[in-house]
N, C-alpha and C. Protein backbone atom coordinates (compact mmCIF):
# COMPACT_ATOMS: atom_id res chain seq x y z
N MET A 1 51.29 50.85 83.37
CA MET A 1 49.84 50.69 82.96
C MET A 1 49.86 50.72 81.39
N CYS A 2 48.82 49.98 80.94
CA CYS A 2 48.66 49.87 79.49
C CYS A 2 47.30 50.46 79.09
N GLY A 3 47.31 51.45 78.15
CA GLY A 3 46.09 52.10 77.74
C GLY A 3 45.43 51.42 76.62
N LEU A 4 44.05 51.35 76.63
CA LEU A 4 43.31 50.74 75.60
C LEU A 4 43.12 51.75 74.45
N PRO A 5 43.02 51.31 73.23
CA PRO A 5 42.89 52.20 72.11
C PRO A 5 41.62 53.08 72.14
N MET A 6 41.61 54.24 71.72
CA MET A 6 40.53 55.14 71.83
C MET A 6 39.29 54.61 70.99
N THR A 7 39.56 53.87 69.83
CA THR A 7 38.48 53.28 69.08
C THR A 7 37.73 52.35 69.90
N PHE A 8 38.38 51.46 70.71
CA PHE A 8 37.78 50.59 71.51
C PHE A 8 36.96 51.25 72.60
N VAL A 9 37.62 52.32 73.19
CA VAL A 9 36.94 53.04 74.32
C VAL A 9 35.66 53.67 73.87
N LYS A 10 35.70 54.25 72.69
CA LYS A 10 34.52 54.88 72.13
C LYS A 10 33.34 53.85 71.90
N LYS A 11 33.79 52.66 71.45
CA LYS A 11 32.68 51.62 71.13
C LYS A 11 32.30 50.84 72.39
N TYR A 12 33.13 50.52 73.34
CA TYR A 12 32.91 49.59 74.44
C TYR A 12 33.08 50.21 75.75
N GLY A 13 33.55 51.46 75.86
CA GLY A 13 33.98 52.05 77.14
C GLY A 13 32.97 52.03 78.19
N LYS A 14 31.67 52.15 77.84
CA LYS A 14 30.59 52.14 78.82
C LYS A 14 30.25 50.77 79.32
N GLU A 15 30.56 49.70 78.53
CA GLU A 15 30.30 48.40 78.79
C GLU A 15 31.33 47.67 79.69
N VAL A 16 32.56 48.08 79.61
CA VAL A 16 33.70 47.51 80.46
C VAL A 16 33.62 48.08 81.88
N SER A 17 33.89 47.20 82.88
CA SER A 17 34.08 47.69 84.17
C SER A 17 35.10 46.93 84.82
N SER A 18 35.64 47.45 85.97
CA SER A 18 36.66 46.84 86.65
C SER A 18 36.20 45.79 87.65
N PRO A 19 36.80 44.57 87.76
CA PRO A 19 37.96 44.13 86.99
C PRO A 19 37.51 43.54 85.64
N VAL A 20 38.55 43.35 84.71
CA VAL A 20 38.30 42.64 83.52
C VAL A 20 39.13 41.34 83.69
N GLN A 21 38.82 40.39 82.76
CA GLN A 21 39.61 39.10 82.73
C GLN A 21 40.35 39.11 81.41
N LEU A 22 41.66 38.78 81.55
CA LEU A 22 42.43 38.50 80.43
C LEU A 22 42.81 36.99 80.40
N LYS A 23 42.42 36.40 79.22
CA LYS A 23 42.65 34.98 79.04
C LYS A 23 43.75 34.68 78.11
N VAL A 24 44.81 34.05 78.59
CA VAL A 24 45.93 33.74 77.65
C VAL A 24 45.80 32.30 77.04
N PRO A 25 46.57 32.06 76.11
CA PRO A 25 46.35 30.84 75.31
C PRO A 25 46.51 29.48 76.12
N ASN A 26 47.12 29.47 77.19
CA ASN A 26 47.20 28.26 78.05
C ASN A 26 45.98 28.06 78.90
N GLY A 27 44.94 28.94 78.82
CA GLY A 27 43.74 28.91 79.58
C GLY A 27 43.76 29.64 80.87
N ASP A 28 44.83 30.12 81.32
CA ASP A 28 44.89 30.94 82.54
C ASP A 28 44.13 32.22 82.31
N GLU A 29 43.48 32.72 83.41
CA GLU A 29 42.75 34.03 83.21
C GLU A 29 43.33 34.85 84.34
N TRP A 30 43.59 36.09 83.96
CA TRP A 30 44.13 37.13 84.91
C TRP A 30 43.13 38.16 85.21
N SER A 31 42.84 38.52 86.45
CA SER A 31 41.84 39.53 86.80
C SER A 31 42.72 40.85 86.88
N ILE A 32 42.27 41.81 86.07
CA ILE A 32 42.96 43.07 85.96
C ILE A 32 42.10 44.24 86.34
N ARG A 33 42.53 45.09 87.11
CA ARG A 33 41.88 46.35 87.47
C ARG A 33 41.92 47.35 86.39
N LEU A 34 40.91 48.14 86.15
CA LEU A 34 40.80 49.20 85.18
C LEU A 34 40.94 50.51 85.86
N ARG A 35 41.47 51.55 85.20
CA ARG A 35 41.37 52.93 85.66
C ARG A 35 40.75 53.63 84.49
N LYS A 36 39.59 54.33 84.79
CA LYS A 36 38.96 55.23 83.78
C LYS A 36 39.25 56.63 84.22
N HIS A 37 39.81 57.41 83.27
CA HIS A 37 40.07 58.91 83.64
C HIS A 37 40.17 59.62 82.39
N GLY A 38 39.43 60.80 82.36
CA GLY A 38 39.53 61.66 81.25
C GLY A 38 39.19 61.05 79.90
N GLY A 39 38.26 60.15 79.83
CA GLY A 39 37.81 59.52 78.64
C GLY A 39 38.76 58.45 78.20
N GLU A 40 39.80 58.05 78.99
CA GLU A 40 40.76 57.02 78.68
C GLU A 40 40.51 55.87 79.61
N ILE A 41 40.89 54.68 79.20
CA ILE A 41 40.82 53.39 80.02
C ILE A 41 42.22 52.76 80.03
N TRP A 42 42.70 52.49 81.26
CA TRP A 42 44.04 51.92 81.48
C TRP A 42 43.86 50.62 82.20
N LEU A 43 44.67 49.54 81.80
CA LEU A 43 44.78 48.42 82.52
C LEU A 43 45.83 48.62 83.55
N GLN A 44 45.55 48.26 84.82
CA GLN A 44 46.44 48.57 85.89
C GLN A 44 47.35 47.44 86.31
N THR A 45 46.85 46.59 87.26
CA THR A 45 47.75 45.67 87.90
C THR A 45 47.36 44.17 87.56
N GLY A 46 48.25 43.30 87.69
CA GLY A 46 48.02 41.93 87.57
C GLY A 46 48.70 41.06 86.54
N PHE A 47 49.45 41.78 85.55
CA PHE A 47 49.98 40.99 84.45
C PHE A 47 51.43 41.49 84.21
N ARG A 48 51.90 42.44 84.81
CA ARG A 48 53.21 43.03 84.50
C ARG A 48 54.31 42.03 84.50
N SER A 49 54.31 41.05 85.36
CA SER A 49 55.41 40.08 85.50
C SER A 49 55.62 39.33 84.22
N SER A 50 54.63 39.21 83.29
CA SER A 50 54.76 38.58 82.09
C SER A 50 55.29 39.43 81.03
N LEU A 51 55.45 40.76 81.32
CA LEU A 51 55.81 41.68 80.21
C LEU A 51 57.20 42.17 80.40
N THR A 52 57.95 42.39 79.25
CA THR A 52 59.24 43.02 79.30
C THR A 52 59.07 44.28 78.38
N TYR A 53 60.02 45.18 78.41
CA TYR A 53 60.04 46.34 77.60
C TYR A 53 60.10 45.88 76.16
N GLY A 54 59.14 46.43 75.33
CA GLY A 54 59.01 46.05 73.93
C GLY A 54 58.02 44.93 73.71
N SER A 55 57.36 44.47 74.72
CA SER A 55 56.27 43.46 74.56
C SER A 55 55.16 44.05 73.71
N LEU A 56 54.54 43.14 72.97
CA LEU A 56 53.40 43.51 72.15
C LEU A 56 52.30 42.63 72.66
N LEU A 57 51.11 43.32 72.89
CA LEU A 57 49.91 42.53 73.37
C LEU A 57 48.86 42.67 72.32
N VAL A 58 48.22 41.57 71.98
CA VAL A 58 47.17 41.59 71.01
C VAL A 58 45.90 41.09 71.74
N PHE A 59 44.88 41.95 71.72
CA PHE A 59 43.63 41.76 72.46
C PHE A 59 42.56 41.43 71.52
N GLN A 60 41.62 40.50 71.96
CA GLN A 60 40.41 40.30 71.32
C GLN A 60 39.31 40.30 72.29
N TYR A 61 38.36 41.29 72.22
CA TYR A 61 37.30 41.45 73.15
C TYR A 61 36.19 40.47 72.91
N GLU A 62 35.85 39.68 73.86
CA GLU A 62 34.79 38.71 73.75
C GLU A 62 33.54 39.10 74.44
N GLY A 63 33.48 40.30 75.02
CA GLY A 63 32.27 40.79 75.78
C GLY A 63 32.33 40.34 77.20
N ASN A 64 31.38 40.84 78.00
CA ASN A 64 31.26 40.56 79.35
C ASN A 64 32.63 40.73 80.11
N CYS A 65 33.40 41.75 79.69
CA CYS A 65 34.64 42.12 80.40
C CYS A 65 35.76 41.03 80.27
N LEU A 66 35.61 40.23 79.17
CA LEU A 66 36.60 39.18 78.96
C LEU A 66 37.38 39.50 77.70
N PHE A 67 38.70 39.38 77.75
CA PHE A 67 39.59 39.61 76.62
C PHE A 67 40.51 38.32 76.42
N ASN A 68 40.53 37.93 75.25
CA ASN A 68 41.69 36.98 74.93
C ASN A 68 42.84 37.78 74.60
N VAL A 69 44.06 37.37 75.08
CA VAL A 69 45.28 38.21 74.85
C VAL A 69 46.44 37.21 74.54
N HIS A 70 47.21 37.66 73.52
CA HIS A 70 48.48 36.98 73.12
C HIS A 70 49.55 37.92 73.34
N ILE A 71 50.64 37.51 73.86
CA ILE A 71 51.84 38.42 74.27
C ILE A 71 52.99 38.01 73.49
N PHE A 72 53.61 38.89 72.79
CA PHE A 72 54.76 38.75 71.92
C PHE A 72 55.90 39.50 72.57
N ASP A 73 57.10 38.84 72.49
CA ASP A 73 58.36 39.60 73.05
C ASP A 73 58.94 40.58 71.96
N GLU A 74 60.01 41.14 72.34
CA GLU A 74 60.56 42.25 71.33
C GLU A 74 61.02 41.71 70.08
N SER A 75 61.14 40.39 69.89
CA SER A 75 61.59 39.78 68.60
C SER A 75 60.38 39.35 67.87
N ALA A 76 59.12 39.57 68.26
CA ALA A 76 57.85 39.28 67.69
C ALA A 76 57.56 37.80 67.83
N MET A 77 58.15 37.15 68.79
CA MET A 77 57.81 35.70 69.08
C MET A 77 56.85 35.69 70.18
N GLU A 78 55.84 34.81 70.16
CA GLU A 78 54.90 34.68 71.29
C GLU A 78 55.65 34.16 72.43
N ILE A 79 55.35 34.65 73.64
CA ILE A 79 56.01 34.15 74.80
C ILE A 79 55.58 32.74 75.20
N SER A 80 56.32 32.07 76.02
CA SER A 80 55.91 30.81 76.72
C SER A 80 55.13 31.12 77.96
N TYR A 81 53.90 30.90 78.00
CA TYR A 81 53.09 31.20 79.15
C TYR A 81 53.38 30.15 80.21
N PRO A 82 53.28 30.57 81.50
CA PRO A 82 53.46 29.62 82.62
C PRO A 82 52.43 28.55 82.55
N PHE A 83 52.80 27.33 82.98
CA PHE A 83 51.84 26.21 83.08
C PHE A 83 50.71 26.66 83.89
N LYS A 84 49.53 26.24 83.51
CA LYS A 84 48.29 26.43 84.22
C LYS A 84 48.30 25.67 85.53
N ASN A 85 47.95 26.29 86.60
CA ASN A 85 47.89 25.59 87.93
C ASN A 85 46.65 24.86 88.02
């Protein structure tokens, strides 16, 4: 699971609901379930196959439960996203 920063949770926590959409640069959108617990919000399932240990995710919240996301590998290079179906 991937936790959202507390500054985001404080500002938008009441606005976001499960599921959220993550949009990657190739245009694909992934539907991701959220878990809210103890004032924290966690992204749960749906995108782990694209991540490896040391991955860095950069999110931009667009509103309406939509995030643009860029994924970087452990060498800080952006990954190659699968071709859009």
